[in-house]
Protein backbone atom coordinates (compact mmCIF):
# COMPACT_ATOMS: atom_id res chain seq x y z
CA UNK A 1 38.36 75.43 62.02
CA UNK A 2 39.14 78.51 59.88
CA UNK A 3 37.36 81.85 60.26
CA UNK A 4 34.94 81.19 57.37
CA UNK A 5 33.98 77.79 58.75
CA UNK A 6 33.48 79.31 62.18
CA UNK A 7 31.19 81.99 60.74
CA UNK A 8 29.18 79.36 58.85
CA UNK A 9 28.83 77.23 61.97
CA UNK A 10 27.39 80.20 63.85
CA UNK A 11 25.06 81.18 61.00
CA UNK A 12 21.39 80.52 61.46
CA UNK A 13 18.47 80.80 63.83
CA UNK A 14 18.21 78.37 66.73
CA UNK A 15 14.95 76.76 67.78
CA UNK A 16 15.22 76.89 71.58
CA UNK A 17 11.65 76.19 72.67
CA UNK A 18 8.53 74.40 71.44
CA UNK A 19 4.94 73.91 72.52
CA UNK A 20 1.95 72.37 70.85
CA UNK A 21 -1.31 70.52 71.13
CA UNK A 22 -2.31 68.11 68.43
CA UNK A 23 -4.99 65.47 67.80
CA UNK A 24 -4.18 62.66 70.23
CA UNK A 25 -1.38 64.61 71.94
CA UNK A 26 -1.59 67.34 74.60
CA UNK A 27 2.17 67.79 74.79
CA UNK A 28 5.19 67.67 72.50
CA UNK A 29 6.47 64.42 74.05
CA UNK A 30 3.10 62.74 73.46
CA UNK A 31 3.19 63.98 69.87
CA UNK A 32 6.59 62.37 69.34
CA UNK A 33 5.38 59.12 70.94
CA UNK A 34 2.54 58.96 68.42
CA UNK A 35 4.82 59.79 65.48
CA UNK A 36 7.40 57.26 66.64
CA UNK A 37 4.78 54.52 66.85
CA UNK A 38 3.01 55.39 63.62
CA UNK A 39 -0.27 56.33 65.32
CA UNK A 40 -3.09 57.78 63.24
CA UNK A 41 -5.07 60.18 65.47
CA UNK A 42 -8.27 60.35 63.44
CA UNK A 43 -11.62 59.73 65.17
CA UNK A 44 -14.68 58.21 63.54
CA UNK A 45 -17.95 59.39 65.02
CA UNK A 46 -21.11 57.46 65.77
CA UNK A 47 -24.47 58.78 64.63
CA UNK A 48 -25.34 59.48 68.27
CA UNK A 49 -22.23 61.63 68.72
CA UNK A 50 -22.97 63.58 65.57
CA UNK A 51 -26.60 64.16 66.50
CA UNK A 52 -25.45 65.31 69.94
CA UNK A 53 -23.23 67.91 68.23
CA UNK A 54 -26.17 69.28 66.30
CA UNK A 55 -25.57 67.58 62.96
CA UNK A 56 -28.82 67.26 61.02
CA UNK A 57 -30.10 63.68 60.89
CA UNK A 58 -30.64 63.83 57.13
CA UNK A 59 -26.86 64.15 56.60
CA UNK A 60 -26.12 60.88 58.35
CA UNK A 61 -27.49 58.81 55.48
CA UNK A 62 -25.68 60.80 52.78
CA UNK A 63 -22.89 58.58 51.35
CA UNK A 64 -20.72 61.66 50.73
CA UNK A 65 -20.92 62.77 54.38
CA UNK A 66 -17.73 61.46 56.02
CA UNK A 67 -18.14 60.86 59.75
CA UNK A 68 -14.55 61.52 60.77
CA UNK A 69 -12.42 64.26 62.29
CA UNK A 70 -9.05 65.07 63.87
CA UNK A 71 -10.08 66.29 67.31
CA UNK A 72 -8.17 68.38 69.84
CA UNK A 73 -8.95 67.41 73.44
CA UNK A 74 -10.08 69.84 76.15
CA UNK A 75 -10.48 72.94 74.01
CA UNK A 76 -13.09 74.16 76.51
CA UNK A 77 -10.50 74.15 79.32
CA UNK A 78 -8.76 77.47 80.01
CA UNK A 79 -7.09 78.95 83.08
CA UNK A 80 -8.78 82.34 82.75
CA UNK A 81 -7.75 83.56 86.20
CA UNK A 82 -4.06 82.87 85.49
CA UNK A 83 -4.13 85.31 82.57
CA UNK A 84 -6.37 87.86 84.28
CA UNK A 85 -9.63 87.19 82.42
CA UNK A 86 -13.06 87.12 84.03
CA UNK A 87 -15.10 83.94 83.43
CA UNK A 88 -17.45 85.93 81.22
CA UNK A 89 -14.61 87.31 79.10
CA UNK A 90 -13.20 83.81 78.67
CA UNK A 91 -16.61 82.46 77.68
CA UNK A 92 -16.82 85.00 74.86
CA UNK A 93 -13.28 84.30 73.60
CA UNK A 94 -12.54 81.98 70.70
CA UNK A 95 -10.66 78.83 71.81
CA UNK A 96 -7.99 79.78 69.27
CA UNK A 97 -7.15 82.83 71.39
CA UNK A 98 -7.26 80.88 74.64
CA UNK A 99 -5.10 77.94 73.60
CA UNK A 100 -2.58 80.00 71.67
CA UNK A 101 -2.04 82.17 74.74
CA UNK A 102 -1.54 79.12 76.97
CA UNK A 103 0.85 77.52 74.48
CA UNK A 104 2.78 80.78 74.11
CA UNK A 105 3.40 80.74 77.87
CA UNK A 106 4.39 77.05 77.69
CA UNK A 107 6.77 77.66 74.78
CA UNK A 108 8.59 80.46 76.60
CA UNK A 109 8.88 78.31 79.72
CA UNK A 110 10.15 75.45 77.57
CA UNK A 111 12.83 77.82 76.24
CA UNK A 112 13.69 78.86 79.81
CA UNK A 113 12.65 82.51 79.48
CA UNK A 114 10.65 84.60 81.90
CA UNK A 115 9.09 87.49 79.94
CA UNK A 116 8.85 89.57 83.10
CA UNK A 117 12.62 89.46 83.67
CA UNK A 118 13.90 89.33 80.10
CA UNK A 119 15.19 92.72 78.93
CA UNK A 120 15.31 91.86 75.22
CA UNK A 121 12.66 92.36 72.54
CA UNK A 122 10.42 89.36 71.91
CA UNK A 123 8.48 89.36 68.65
CA UNK A 124 5.25 87.46 68.05
CA UNK A 125 4.44 86.15 64.57
CA UNK A 126 1.25 84.11 64.44
CA UNK A 127 -1.97 83.35 62.67
CA UNK A 128 -5.25 81.53 63.15
CA UNK A 129 -8.39 80.74 61.23
CA UNK A 130 -11.88 82.14 60.78
CA UNK A 131 -13.74 82.07 64.11
CA UNK A 132 -16.30 79.30 63.81
CA UNK A 133 -16.80 79.74 67.57
CA UNK A 134 -18.26 83.20 66.95
CA UNK A 135 -20.44 81.91 64.12
CA UNK A 136 -21.67 78.71 65.77
CA UNK A 137 -21.56 79.41 69.52
CA UNK A 138 -21.84 83.12 70.17
CA UNK A 139 -23.97 84.56 67.38
CA UNK A 140 -27.13 83.03 68.86
CA UNK A 141 -26.30 84.37 72.36
CA UNK A 142 -27.22 88.01 71.83
CA UNK A 143 -27.40 88.65 75.57
CA UNK A 144 -23.76 87.73 76.10
CA UNK A 145 -22.58 89.81 73.15
CA UNK A 146 -24.61 92.84 74.28
CA UNK A 147 -23.37 92.56 77.86
CA UNK A 148 -19.71 92.50 76.76
CA UNK A 149 -20.04 94.89 73.85
CA UNK A 150 -19.14 94.47 70.21
CA UNK A 151 -15.54 95.65 70.69
CA UNK A 152 -14.68 93.01 73.33
CA UNK A 153 -16.47 90.28 71.39
CA UNK A 154 -14.67 91.18 68.19
CA UNK A 155 -11.20 91.38 69.74
CA UNK A 156 -11.79 88.04 71.46
CA UNK A 157 -12.72 86.24 68.25
CA UNK A 158 -11.12 87.91 65.25
CA UNK A 159 -7.93 86.06 64.29
CA UNK A 160 -6.19 89.42 63.73
CA UNK A 161 -5.84 89.84 67.50
CA UNK A 162 -4.17 86.51 68.35
CA UNK A 163 -0.53 87.76 68.30
CA UNK A 164 -1.18 91.14 69.90
CA UNK A 165 -3.13 89.53 72.74
CA UNK A 166 -0.07 87.40 73.50
CA UNK A 167 2.17 90.48 73.41
CA UNK A 168 -0.19 92.33 75.75
CA UNK A 169 -0.74 89.55 78.27
CA UNK A 170 2.92 88.49 78.41
CA UNK A 171 4.29 92.05 78.16
CA UNK A 172 6.35 91.42 75.00
CA UNK A 173 7.70 94.50 73.25
CA UNK A 174 8.96 93.21 69.91
CA UNK A 175 7.01 93.21 66.62
CA UNK A 176 3.58 91.58 66.89
CA UNK A 177 2.26 90.54 63.49
CA UNK A 178 -0.81 88.64 62.38
CA UNK A 179 -0.06 86.27 59.49
CA UNK A 180 -2.76 84.95 57.17
CA UNK A 181 -1.70 82.90 54.14
CA UNK A 182 -4.16 80.00 54.51
CA UNK A 183 -2.46 76.59 54.87
CA UNK A 184 1.07 78.06 54.93
CA UNK A 185 0.29 80.60 57.69
CA UNK A 186 2.36 79.14 60.51
CA UNK A 187 5.48 78.37 58.46
CA UNK A 188 5.31 81.86 56.95
CA UNK A 189 5.11 83.12 60.55
CA UNK A 190 8.29 81.18 61.33
CA UNK A 191 9.96 82.74 58.28
CA UNK A 192 8.98 86.23 59.43
CA UNK A 193 10.36 85.50 62.90
CA UNK A 194 13.56 84.24 61.27
CA UNK A 195 13.87 87.46 59.24
CA UNK A 196 12.98 89.61 62.26
CA UNK A 197 15.88 88.12 64.19
CA UNK A 198 18.34 88.49 61.33
CA UNK A 199 17.40 92.17 60.97
CA UNK A 200 17.62 92.69 64.76
CA UNK A 201 13.99 93.77 65.07
CA UNK A 202 13.81 91.36 68.01
CA UNK A 203 16.03 89.18 70.19
CA UNK A 204 13.57 86.33 70.61
CA UNK A 205 10.74 85.36 68.26
CA UNK A 206 7.61 83.41 69.15
CA UNK A 207 6.18 81.99 65.91
CA UNK A 208 3.42 79.59 65.02
CA UNK A 209 -0.23 79.10 64.27
CA UNK A 210 -3.49 77.63 65.46
CA UNK A 211 -6.62 76.17 63.95
CA UNK A 212 -9.71 75.23 65.95
CA UNK A 213 -13.04 74.76 64.20
CA UNK A 214 -16.16 73.94 66.21
CA UNK A 215 -18.14 71.82 66.69
CA UNK A 216 -15.35 69.28 66.63
CA UNK A 217 -17.61 66.25 66.52
CA UNK A 218 -18.78 66.86 62.99
CA UNK A 219 -18.06 65.21 59.67
CA UNK A 220 -17.48 66.80 56.30
CA UNK A 221 -18.58 66.41 52.69
CA UNK A 222 -16.49 64.57 50.15
CA UNK A 223 -16.43 65.91 46.62
CA UNK A 224 -14.64 63.97 43.89
CA UNK A 225 -11.53 65.80 42.76
CA UNK A 226 -11.52 68.02 45.86
CA UNK A 227 -9.02 68.18 48.71
CA UNK A 228 -11.11 66.19 51.24
CA UNK A 229 -10.59 62.43 51.59
CA UNK A 230 -13.51 60.05 50.91
CA UNK A 231 -12.77 57.84 53.93
CA UNK A 232 -11.10 60.02 56.59
CA UNK A 233 -7.55 58.87 55.80
CA UNK A 234 -4.72 60.80 54.14
CA UNK A 235 -2.58 58.65 51.82
CA UNK A 236 0.14 61.06 50.75
CA UNK A 237 1.89 60.05 47.49
CA UNK A 238 -0.02 56.76 47.27
CA UNK A 239 -1.86 55.54 44.17
CA UNK A 240 -5.10 55.48 46.21
CA UNK A 241 -4.66 59.03 47.52
CA UNK A 242 -7.83 61.10 47.11
CA UNK A 243 -7.31 63.89 49.63
CA UNK A 244 -6.80 64.73 53.25
CA UNK A 245 -8.87 65.33 56.37
CA UNK A 246 -8.82 68.61 58.26
CA UNK A 247 -8.06 68.81 61.96
CA UNK A 248 -7.45 71.13 64.89
CA UNK A 249 -4.16 71.95 66.56
CA UNK A 250 -1.60 74.53 67.62
CA UNK A 251 2.17 74.67 67.17
CA UNK A 252 4.65 77.29 68.42
CA UNK A 253 8.43 77.57 68.30
CA UNK A 254 10.76 80.01 70.07
CA UNK A 255 13.58 81.32 67.88
CA UNK A 256 16.87 83.03 68.70
CA UNK A 257 20.01 83.93 66.77
CA UNK A 258 22.28 80.87 66.94
CA UNK A 259 25.35 82.83 68.04
CA UNK A 260 23.39 84.35 70.93
CA UNK A 261 21.82 81.01 71.89
CA UNK A 262 25.25 79.39 72.09
CA UNK A 263 26.66 82.28 74.11
CA UNK A 264 23.73 82.16 76.56
CA UNK A 265 23.80 78.39 77.02
CA UNK A 266 20.28 77.83 75.65
CA UNK A 267 18.93 74.37 74.90
CA UNK A 268 19.05 74.19 71.08
CA UNK A 269 16.67 71.69 69.45
CA UNK A 270 17.64 72.41 65.84
CA UNK A 271 18.87 75.28 63.66
CA UNK A 272 17.11 77.04 60.79
CA UNK A 273 19.83 77.56 58.20
CA UNK A 274 17.66 78.92 55.41
CA UNK A 275 14.10 80.10 54.92
CA UNK A 276 12.15 81.58 52.01
CA UNK A 277 8.63 82.51 50.95
CA UNK A 278 7.07 83.45 47.61
CA UNK A 279 3.84 83.30 45.62
CA UNK A 280 2.92 81.28 42.54
CA UNK A 281 1.54 84.21 40.61
CA UNK A 282 -0.89 83.53 37.75
CA UNK A 283 0.91 80.85 35.72
CA UNK A 284 -1.03 77.84 37.01
CA UNK A 285 -4.32 76.02 36.44
CA UNK A 286 -6.34 78.02 38.97
CA UNK A 287 -6.19 80.27 42.01
CA UNK A 288 -6.14 77.42 44.55
CA UNK A 289 -4.01 75.05 42.44
CA UNK A 290 -0.34 74.40 43.26
CA UNK A 291 2.51 75.40 40.96
CA UNK A 292 5.65 73.43 40.11
CA UNK A 293 7.64 76.58 39.40
CA UNK A 294 6.49 78.43 42.52
CA UNK A 295 7.34 75.52 44.81
CA UNK A 296 10.68 74.80 43.11
CA UNK A 297 11.74 78.44 43.36
CA UNK A 298 11.02 78.75 47.09
CA UNK A 299 12.81 75.47 47.87
CA UNK A 300 15.84 76.45 45.77
CA UNK A 301 16.02 79.89 47.40
CA UNK A 302 15.87 78.43 50.89
CA UNK A 303 18.67 75.97 50.10
CA UNK A 304 20.75 78.75 48.54
CA UNK A 305 20.36 80.90 51.66
CA UNK A 306 21.46 77.92 53.76
CA UNK A 307 24.39 77.32 51.39
CA UNK A 308 23.59 73.59 51.21
CA UNK A 309 24.04 71.18 48.35
CA UNK A 310 20.71 69.33 47.96
CA UNK A 311 22.62 66.05 48.18
CA UNK A 312 23.32 66.76 51.87
CA UNK A 313 19.59 67.07 52.68
CA UNK A 314 18.28 63.63 53.57
CA UNK A 315 14.69 64.27 54.65
CA UNK A 316 11.84 66.48 53.44
CA UNK A 317 8.70 67.01 55.50
CA UNK A 318 6.36 67.68 52.60
CA UNK A 319 3.13 69.60 52.36
CA UNK A 320 1.77 66.16 51.43
CA UNK A 321 -2.01 66.60 51.27
CA UNK A 322 -2.52 63.32 49.44
CA UNK A 323 -4.34 64.70 46.40
CA UNK A 324 -4.04 63.34 42.87
CA UNK A 325 -3.08 66.80 41.60
CA UNK A 326 -0.93 68.12 44.44
CA UNK A 327 1.33 65.14 45.19
CA UNK A 328 2.91 64.80 41.70
CA UNK A 329 3.38 68.57 41.48
CA UNK A 330 5.19 68.65 44.82
CA UNK A 331 7.55 65.82 43.85
CA UNK A 332 8.19 67.39 40.44
CA UNK A 333 9.15 70.67 42.11
CA UNK A 334 11.52 68.90 44.52
CA UNK A 335 13.06 66.94 41.64
CA UNK A 336 13.69 70.13 39.67
CA UNK A 337 15.68 71.54 42.58
CA UNK A 338 17.61 68.40 43.52
CA UNK A 339 18.35 67.32 39.94
CA UNK A 340 20.08 70.65 39.26
CA UNK A 341 23.07 69.39 41.26
CA UNK A 342 22.83 65.61 41.72
CA UNK A 343 21.78 62.50 39.84
CA UNK A 344 21.80 60.26 42.91
CA UNK A 345 18.68 58.19 43.52
CA UNK A 346 16.75 57.29 46.61
CA UNK A 347 18.84 59.13 49.22
CA UNK A 348 16.24 61.56 50.60
CA UNK A 349 13.28 60.35 52.63
CA UNK A 350 9.96 62.16 52.48
CA UNK A 351 6.92 62.07 54.73
CA UNK A 352 3.78 63.94 55.67
CA UNK A 353 2.43 64.47 59.18
CA UNK A 354 -1.01 64.86 57.61
CA UNK A 355 -1.15 61.06 57.39
CA UNK A 356 -1.08 61.01 61.22
CA UNK A 357 -3.28 63.93 62.26
CA UNK A 358 -4.80 65.43 59.12
CA UNK A 359 -4.35 68.92 57.73
CA UNK A 360 -4.23 71.48 60.57
CA UNK A 361 -4.68 74.38 58.15
CA UNK A 362 -3.13 77.53 59.68
CA UNK A 363 -1.16 75.35 62.15
CA UNK A 364 0.00 72.83 59.52
CA UNK A 365 3.42 74.30 58.71
CA UNK A 366 4.52 74.68 62.34
CA UNK A 367 3.32 71.13 63.01
CA UNK A 368 5.49 69.76 60.20
CA UNK A 369 8.40 71.84 61.48
CA UNK A 370 8.03 70.52 65.05
CA UNK A 371 7.82 66.94 63.74
CA UNK A 372 11.07 67.42 61.82
CA UNK A 373 12.85 69.08 64.76
CA UNK A 374 11.89 66.11 66.95
CA UNK A 375 13.18 63.70 64.30
CA UNK A 376 16.51 65.56 64.21
CA UNK A 377 16.73 65.51 68.01
CA UNK A 378 16.02 61.79 68.25
CA UNK A 379 18.04 60.96 65.10
CA UNK A 380 15.11 58.91 63.84
CA UNK A 381 12.66 59.47 60.97
CA UNK A 382 9.09 58.47 61.92
CA UNK A 383 6.93 56.59 59.41
CA UNK A 384 4.64 58.30 56.93
CA UNK A 385 1.40 56.31 57.00
CA UNK A 386 -0.87 54.66 54.40
CA UNK A 387 1.68 54.43 51.60
CA UNK A 388 1.63 51.19 49.61
CA UNK A 389 2.06 51.92 45.91
CA UNK A 390 3.20 55.24 44.42
CA UNK A 391 0.96 57.61 42.56
CA UNK A 392 1.36 56.55 38.89
CA UNK A 393 2.40 60.13 38.03
CA UNK A 394 5.43 59.85 40.37
CA UNK A 395 8.55 57.89 39.39
CA UNK A 396 10.15 57.43 42.78
CA UNK A 397 12.52 54.73 41.50
CA UNK A 398 14.42 57.25 39.36
CA UNK A 399 14.14 60.19 41.74
CA UNK A 400 16.21 61.30 44.74
CA UNK A 401 13.24 60.49 47.00
CA UNK A 402 11.58 57.59 48.76
CA UNK A 403 8.56 57.61 51.06
CA UNK A 404 9.76 56.71 54.55
CA UNK A 405 7.17 54.13 55.64
CA UNK A 406 8.95 52.72 58.71
CA UNK A 407 10.68 54.17 61.75
CA UNK A 408 14.23 54.61 60.49
CA UNK A 409 17.59 55.49 61.99
CA UNK A 410 18.65 58.86 60.59
CA UNK A 411 22.26 58.37 59.56
CA UNK A 412 24.59 61.34 59.33
CA UNK A 413 26.88 60.04 56.55
CA UNK A 414 29.69 62.46 57.29
CA UNK A 415 27.63 65.67 57.33
CA UNK A 416 25.22 67.03 59.92
CA UNK A 417 21.66 65.76 59.56
CA UNK A 418 19.70 68.20 57.39
CA UNK A 419 16.06 68.48 56.38
CA UNK A 420 13.60 70.66 54.55
CA UNK A 421 10.05 71.54 55.56
CA UNK A 422 7.45 72.72 53.04
CA UNK A 423 4.09 74.41 53.48
CA UNK A 424 2.01 75.68 50.59
CA UNK A 425 -1.10 77.82 50.97
CA UNK A 426 -4.34 78.15 49.04
CA UNK A 427 -3.79 81.28 47.00
CA UNK A 428 -0.20 80.38 46.23
CA UNK A 429 1.92 81.62 49.15
CA UNK A 430 4.68 79.04 49.59
CA UNK A 431 7.17 78.60 52.43
CA UNK A 432 10.18 76.34 52.79
CA UNK A 433 12.60 76.06 55.72
CA UNK A 434 15.94 74.24 55.74
CA UNK A 435 16.99 72.75 59.08
CA UNK A 436 20.20 71.34 60.49
CA UNK A 437 20.61 69.32 63.65
CA UNK A 438 21.74 71.22 66.73
CA UNK A 439 25.49 71.71 67.14
CA UNK A 440 27.25 69.58 69.72
CA UNK A 441 27.52 71.61 72.91
CA UNK A 442 29.92 70.78 75.67
CA UNK A 443 28.13 70.00 78.94
CA UNK A 444 28.14 72.48 81.78
CA UNK A 445 31.21 72.45 83.98
CA UNK A 446 31.41 71.35 87.58
CA UNK A 447 29.02 73.01 89.99
CA UNK A 448 28.52 73.16 93.74
CA UNK A 449 27.59 69.85 95.42
CA UNK A 450 24.16 71.05 96.62
CA UNK A 451 21.48 72.65 94.43
CA UNK A 452 18.40 74.70 95.27
CA UNK A 453 15.25 73.86 93.29
CA UNK A 454 12.53 76.51 93.29
CA UNK A 455 8.88 76.14 92.32
CA UNK A 456 6.08 78.67 92.45
CA UNK A 457 2.45 78.93 91.31
CA UNK A 458 -0.63 81.09 91.66
CA UNK A 459 -2.59 78.51 93.71
CA UNK A 460 -1.72 75.66 96.06
CA UNK A 461 -3.21 73.08 93.68
CA UNK A 462 -1.15 74.48 90.79
CA UNK A 463 1.95 74.26 92.99
CA UNK A 464 1.24 70.58 93.64
CA UNK A 465 0.80 70.01 89.90
CA UNK A 466 4.09 71.78 89.19
CA UNK A 467 5.79 69.59 91.79
CA UNK A 468 4.41 66.43 90.18
CA UNK A 469 5.45 67.64 86.73
CA UNK A 470 9.00 68.28 87.93
CA UNK A 471 9.22 64.83 89.52
CA UNK A 472 8.09 63.21 86.27
CA UNK A 473 10.51 65.29 84.21
CA UNK A 474 13.66 64.58 86.23
CA UNK A 475 15.82 61.81 84.79
CA UNK A 476 19.42 60.66 85.13
CA UNK A 477 20.69 62.35 81.94
CA UNK A 478 19.85 65.85 83.22
CA UNK A 479 22.38 68.16 84.78
CA UNK A 480 20.85 69.12 88.13
CA UNK A 481 22.64 72.51 88.12
CA UNK A 482 21.00 73.34 84.77
CA UNK A 483 17.60 72.40 86.17
CA UNK A 484 18.16 74.61 89.22
CA UNK A 485 19.26 77.54 87.05
CA UNK A 486 16.23 77.34 84.76
CA UNK A 487 13.81 77.09 87.68
CA UNK A 488 15.37 80.15 89.30
CA UNK A 489 15.98 82.35 86.24
CA UNK A 490 13.59 81.09 83.57
CA UNK A 491 10.37 81.05 85.59
CA UNK A 492 8.16 83.84 86.85
CA UNK A 493 7.80 83.94 90.65
CA UNK A 494 4.30 83.53 92.11
CA UNK A 495 3.02 83.64 95.66
CA UNK A 496 2.71 79.91 96.43
CA UNK A 497 6.31 78.71 96.72
CA UNK A 498 8.25 75.52 97.37
CA UNK A 499 12.00 74.96 97.72
CA UNK A 500 14.17 71.89 97.92
CA UNK A 501 17.89 71.50 98.60
CA UNK A 502 19.30 68.35 97.02
CA UNK A 503 22.53 66.69 95.89
CA UNK A 504 21.56 64.83 92.72
CA UNK A 505 18.61 63.86 90.54
CA UNK A 506 17.73 60.75 92.54
CA UNK A 507 17.89 62.70 95.79
CA UNK A 508 15.57 65.33 94.32
CA UNK A 509 13.03 62.74 93.10
CA UNK A 510 12.97 61.00 96.48
CA UNK A 511 12.47 64.25 98.38
CA UNK A 512 9.71 65.43 96.02
CA UNK A 513 7.88 62.10 96.23
CA UNK A 514 7.71 62.24 100.03
CA UNK A 515 7.54 66.05 100.50
CA UNK A 516 9.58 65.52 103.66
CA UNK A 517 9.04 68.73 105.72
CA UNK A 518 12.71 69.00 106.71
CA UNK A 519 13.78 68.83 103.05
CA UNK A 520 10.94 70.44 101.14
CA UNK A 521 9.73 73.83 102.39
CA UNK A 522 6.40 75.26 101.23
CA UNK A 523 5.10 78.75 101.95
CA UNK A 524 2.50 81.24 100.78
CA UNK A 525 4.22 84.58 100.18
CA UNK A 526 1.54 87.16 100.86
CA UNK A 527 1.88 90.15 98.52
CA UNK A 528 2.53 93.36 100.47
CA UNK A 529 4.72 96.45 100.60
CA UNK A 530 8.21 95.59 101.81
CA UNK A 531 10.64 97.93 103.60
CA UNK A 532 13.91 98.74 101.89
CA UNK A 533 17.04 98.16 103.97
CA UNK A 534 20.46 99.62 103.16
CA UNK A 535 23.46 97.76 104.53
CA UNK A 536 26.95 99.27 104.57
CA UNK A 537 29.40 96.49 105.34
CA UNK A 538 32.46 98.71 105.38
CA UNK A 539 35.92 97.79 104.13
CA UNK A 540 37.49 96.68 107.36
CA UNK A 541 38.32 100.24 108.39
């Protein structure tokens, strides 16, 4: 490999950690399971459920009131004590703040980084949505607001404070920016993290978005020609497409310069090779309408930054809202970019995660990104749902694109697997990211025959949960030495501790399952002042 090729191979921003919670999936692996199996995670509510959520009975008989939603489980659950909040503070905090903070912690752990020990600068780029929790849950509880004060109530609910709360609670010293570009918020946040790393404003970037609207068990109104679906299903690019359904979720990725990630031995899920943002300006039908030119320009710029010929990109995770206006415009914009350099037909699959879980608004872009990263990792393209016949305004047969309706093997065809991810916001702020599969990394070398596995937690019950999680995670393909290193270096140490000395994965699983006292040692390390001891070993003199 010549010097130029080597530089190109090291170019880009690595995705080294991910966390998320989505309708029907509390973890990333559950999310992939649902995508893999073509699961639609939309719930349809009974009248009793809607009445119990406070929906007025008169709405239930309205034919335009759609009794469906994309629900996020357990949004009321939050480990307030872990993050140093009083129960009353947590009660007055928007679930968007709570869950984003929890997922930020999870994402950093997934990347193998302990913020307390890491000396580099970690930036936070994130955005949320208007606090419906403040409007619907807190505004009527004047006593709670008065007891906490306006300042605490505001900072716990205004979306502006989501990223800085993470920086404060996790002691992160890089840039901490709130992003607010409507539907494209979280992919714009990823772009800003990407740029922050390239300009050396930070060494790690935590980027993503969240959307939680309450009450969750509530329908919505369908209006002909609008963005909302008349039946609770999103049929992206289909002739019957009439809109999407909105849902709740959170998605976060941890980013790092590829060259540094390779040097540090990080787990690389995929690589961002190009990223761009822009705005449509005024040359379109209306303020909230999409623009062919705006979308085409941001896609072309992202591909140019990556240095990729469009013909080498074989999957696009589209914005894909399933509207009669938006779908043809999106395909036209993609065609304009791809047709500038190739006349090949039907080589690039497209899909939309909105057909599975609805439109997650300010978390939508990061959700599409995570879906695409998982597809690259597994070398499989999951199905896009509810597509039967194309929108009559889209000529797929003569385009580079086809809607991927079945789980498909993602073939490399002589070049690394590459994909694009689009997210377009109301108001015209567009974002597009170009991804490439992770480079092949040689496995770790030989290590000592015995390994020390460390676990710690803030409570004994949490320690037991961590032990169970580790047991479930261990599998034969893992390098036990890598596991031991991450548990020792990439985790914060708490007072309830457990250690295990083991030889291999199977040995570790057996010891954990039995908690044999001679093999697995558990202790509560009481916090106290410790004496300092100096030892001078001498030099044999």
